[in-house]
């Protein structure tokens, strides 16, 4: 069982209720009916990941433009390292990929399951 910061549960619930357009698209058009169960906005340690599958040991992150600023990139590296040390594979896709290359994103996720 993964440890988590209980102080983040309310924030995670709010994020689930207010998904970005790209998160909503990936969830409702693909992950929700995927053969492997995914959870949305899952708290893992001191992080909230966009999507998580226990069975596949996969985290999916959707990155908007703010993720390409220097500080955010360093935080993402630390986060990915933490998750990988837990034995999780981190898949990252840009919001642009979800909007313009949705089928390729879905195929890549399937390939990694």
C-alpha atoms as a PDB file:
ATOM      1  CA  UNK A   1       0.000   0.000   0.000  1.00  0.00           C
ATOM      2  CA  UNK A   2       1.334   3.418  -0.963  1.00  0.00           C
ATOM      3  CA  UNK A   3       1.796   6.027   1.730  1.00  0.00           C
ATOM      4  CA  UNK A   4       0.111   9.358   1.192  1.00  0.00           C
ATOM      5  CA  UNK A   5      -0.222  12.777   2.767  1.00  0.00           C
ATOM      6  CA  UNK A   6      -3.766  12.904   4.216  1.00  0.00           C
ATOM      7  CA  UNK A   7      -3.661  16.704   4.063  1.00  0.00           C
ATOM      8  CA  UNK A   8      -3.893  16.459   0.260  1.00  0.00           C
ATOM      9  CA  UNK A   9      -7.143  14.450   0.148  1.00  0.00           C
ATOM     10  CA  UNK A  10      -9.422  17.497  -0.030  1.00  0.00           C
ATOM     11  CA  UNK A  11      -7.295  19.105  -2.740  1.00  0.00           C
ATOM     12  CA  UNK A  12      -7.325  15.843  -4.714  1.00  0.00           C
ATOM     13  CA  UNK A  13     -11.118  15.687  -4.460  1.00  0.00           C
ATOM     14  CA  UNK A  14     -11.366  19.270  -5.708  1.00  0.00           C
ATOM     15  CA  UNK A  15      -9.058  18.469  -8.624  1.00  0.00           C
ATOM     16  CA  UNK A  16     -11.208  15.434  -9.519  1.00  0.00           C
ATOM     17  CA  UNK A  17     -14.276  17.660  -9.554  1.00  0.00           C
ATOM     18  CA  UNK A  18     -12.531  20.323 -11.651  1.00  0.00           C
ATOM     19  CA  UNK A  19     -10.479  18.400 -14.195  1.00  0.00           C
ATOM     20  CA  UNK A  20      -8.827  20.224 -17.054  1.00  0.00           C
ATOM     21  CA  UNK A  21     -10.353  19.764 -20.500  1.00  0.00           C
ATOM     22  CA  UNK A  22      -7.515  17.429 -21.441  1.00  0.00           C
ATOM     23  CA  UNK A  23      -7.877  15.341 -18.274  1.00  0.00           C
ATOM     24  CA  UNK A  24     -11.618  15.143 -18.869  1.00  0.00           C
ATOM     25  CA  UNK A  25     -11.089  14.031 -22.482  1.00  0.00           C
ATOM     26  CA  UNK A  26      -8.574  11.320 -21.568  1.00  0.00           C
ATOM     27  CA  UNK A  27     -10.736  10.098 -18.680  1.00  0.00           C
ATOM     28  CA  UNK A  28     -14.132   9.993 -20.364  1.00  0.00           C
ATOM     29  CA  UNK A  29     -13.009   8.956 -23.840  1.00  0.00           C
ATOM     30  CA  UNK A  30     -10.413   6.364 -22.858  1.00  0.00           C
ATOM     31  CA  UNK A  31      -9.251   5.637 -19.308  1.00  0.00           C
ATOM     32  CA  UNK A  32     -12.663   5.285 -17.717  1.00  0.00           C
ATOM     33  CA  UNK A  33     -13.464   2.274 -19.906  1.00  0.00           C
ATOM     34  CA  UNK A  34      -9.914   0.933 -20.180  1.00  0.00           C
ATOM     35  CA  UNK A  35      -9.397  -2.755 -19.399  1.00  0.00           C
ATOM     36  CA  UNK A  36      -7.096  -1.731 -16.529  1.00  0.00           C
ATOM     37  CA  UNK A  37      -8.614   0.344 -13.723  1.00  0.00           C
ATOM     38  CA  UNK A  38      -7.316   3.890 -13.302  1.00  0.00           C
ATOM     39  CA  UNK A  39      -7.955   6.349 -10.490  1.00  0.00           C
ATOM     40  CA  UNK A  40      -8.092  10.102 -10.994  1.00  0.00           C
ATOM     41  CA  UNK A  41      -6.130  12.607  -8.916  1.00  0.00           C
ATOM     42  CA  UNK A  42      -4.573   9.992  -6.636  1.00  0.00           C
ATOM     43  CA  UNK A  43      -2.504  11.115  -3.656  1.00  0.00           C
ATOM     44  CA  UNK A  44       0.840   9.309  -3.551  1.00  0.00           C
ATOM     45  CA  UNK A  45       3.265  10.508  -0.899  1.00  0.00           C
ATOM     46  CA  UNK A  46       3.265  14.306  -1.034  1.00  0.00           C
ATOM     47  CA  UNK A  47       2.057  14.380  -4.641  1.00  0.00           C
ATOM     48  CA  UNK A  48      -1.243  14.238  -6.464  1.00  0.00           C
ATOM     49  CA  UNK A  49      -0.910  12.376  -9.747  1.00  0.00           C
ATOM     50  CA  UNK A  50      -3.365  12.899 -12.600  1.00  0.00           C
ATOM     51  CA  UNK A  51      -4.099   9.196 -13.188  1.00  0.00           C
ATOM     52  CA  UNK A  52      -2.886   6.054 -11.433  1.00  0.00           C
ATOM     53  CA  UNK A  53      -3.248   2.326 -12.047  1.00  0.00           C
ATOM     54  CA  UNK A  54      -2.292   0.008  -9.204  1.00  0.00           C
ATOM     55  CA  UNK A  55      -2.477  -3.110 -11.393  1.00  0.00           C
ATOM     56  CA  UNK A  56      -0.264  -1.676 -14.148  1.00  0.00           C
ATOM     57  CA  UNK A  57       1.948   0.326 -11.717  1.00  0.00           C
ATOM     58  CA  UNK A  58       1.571   3.336 -14.017  1.00  0.00           C
ATOM     59  CA  UNK A  59       1.127   7.041 -13.388  1.00  0.00           C
ATOM     60  CA  UNK A  60      -0.100   9.250 -16.217  1.00  0.00           C
ATOM     61  CA  UNK A  61       0.625  12.967 -16.098  1.00  0.00           C
ATOM     62  CA  UNK A  62      -0.792  15.560 -18.477  1.00  0.00           C
ATOM     63  CA  UNK A  63       1.383  18.635 -18.744  1.00  0.00           C
ATOM     64  CA  UNK A  64       0.213  22.120 -19.596  1.00  0.00           C
ATOM     65  CA  UNK A  65       2.522  24.981 -20.509  1.00  0.00           C
ATOM     66  CA  UNK A  66       3.465  25.739 -16.902  1.00  0.00           C
ATOM     67  CA  UNK A  67       5.362  22.433 -16.757  1.00  0.00           C
ATOM     68  CA  UNK A  68       7.971  23.790 -19.166  1.00  0.00           C
ATOM     69  CA  UNK A  69       9.220  26.551 -16.905  1.00  0.00           C
ATOM     70  CA  UNK A  70      12.584  25.821 -15.245  1.00  0.00           C
ATOM     71  CA  UNK A  71      11.275  25.524 -11.683  1.00  0.00           C
ATOM     72  CA  UNK A  72       8.362  23.306 -12.705  1.00  0.00           C
ATOM     73  CA  UNK A  73      10.637  21.063 -14.762  1.00  0.00           C
ATOM     74  CA  UNK A  74      12.896  20.502 -11.745  1.00  0.00           C
ATOM     75  CA  UNK A  75       9.866  19.730  -9.547  1.00  0.00           C
ATOM     76  CA  UNK A  76       8.590  17.269 -12.162  1.00  0.00           C
ATOM     77  CA  UNK A  77      11.994  15.544 -12.232  1.00  0.00           C
ATOM     78  CA  UNK A  78      11.953  15.115  -8.436  1.00  0.00           C
ATOM     79  CA  UNK A  79       8.368  13.890  -8.535  1.00  0.00           C
ATOM     80  CA  UNK A  80       9.116  11.384 -11.326  1.00  0.00           C
ATOM     81  CA  UNK A  81      12.176  10.113  -9.445  1.00  0.00           C
ATOM     82  CA  UNK A  82      10.108   9.632  -6.281  1.00  0.00           C
ATOM     83  CA  UNK A  83       7.413   7.735  -8.183  1.00  0.00           C
ATOM     84  CA  UNK A  84       9.942   5.591 -10.051  1.00  0.00           C
ATOM     85  CA  UNK A  85      11.569   4.673  -6.731  1.00  0.00           C
ATOM     86  CA  UNK A  86       8.161   3.304  -5.699  1.00  0.00           C
ATOM     87  CA  UNK A  87       8.256   1.030  -8.748  1.00  0.00           C
ATOM     88  CA  UNK A  88       5.847   3.137 -10.803  1.00  0.00           C
ATOM     89  CA  UNK A  89       6.271   3.940 -14.479  1.00  0.00           C
ATOM     90  CA  UNK A  90       5.517   7.582 -15.258  1.00  0.00           C
ATOM     91  CA  UNK A  91       3.980   8.433 -18.625  1.00  0.00           C
ATOM     92  CA  UNK A  92       3.899  12.130 -19.489  1.00  0.00           C
ATOM     93  CA  UNK A  93       1.918  13.709 -22.294  1.00  0.00           C
ATOM     94  CA  UNK A  94       1.402  17.333 -23.167  1.00  0.00           C
ATOM     95  CA  UNK A  95      -2.040  18.866 -23.375  1.00  0.00           C
ATOM     96  CA  UNK A  96      -1.266  19.486 -27.039  1.00  0.00           C
ATOM     97  CA  UNK A  97      -0.712  15.743 -27.537  1.00  0.00           C
ATOM     98  CA  UNK A  98      -4.081  14.969 -25.968  1.00  0.00           C
ATOM     99  CA  UNK A  99      -5.808  17.532 -28.173  1.00  0.00           C
ATOM    100  CA  UNK A 100      -4.039  16.869 -31.466  1.00  0.00           C
ATOM    101  CA  UNK A 101      -2.714  13.298 -31.208  1.00  0.00           C
ATOM    102  CA  UNK A 102      -5.293  11.642 -28.987  1.00  0.00           C
ATOM    103  CA  UNK A 103      -5.206   8.250 -30.704  1.00  0.00           C
ATOM    104  CA  UNK A 104      -1.402   8.100 -30.429  1.00  0.00           C
ATOM    105  CA  UNK A 105      -1.593   8.951 -26.707  1.00  0.00           C
ATOM    106  CA  UNK A 106      -4.133   6.167 -26.141  1.00  0.00           C
ATOM    107  CA  UNK A 107      -2.055   3.682 -28.148  1.00  0.00           C
ATOM    108  CA  UNK A 108       1.051   4.585 -26.157  1.00  0.00           C
ATOM    109  CA  UNK A 109      -0.800   4.041 -22.887  1.00  0.00           C
ATOM    110  CA  UNK A 110      -2.028   0.651 -24.116  1.00  0.00           C
ATOM    111  CA  UNK A 111       1.497  -0.278 -25.168  1.00  0.00           C
ATOM    112  CA  UNK A 112       2.718   0.460 -21.628  1.00  0.00           C
ATOM    113  CA  UNK A 113       0.015  -1.473 -19.779  1.00  0.00           C
END
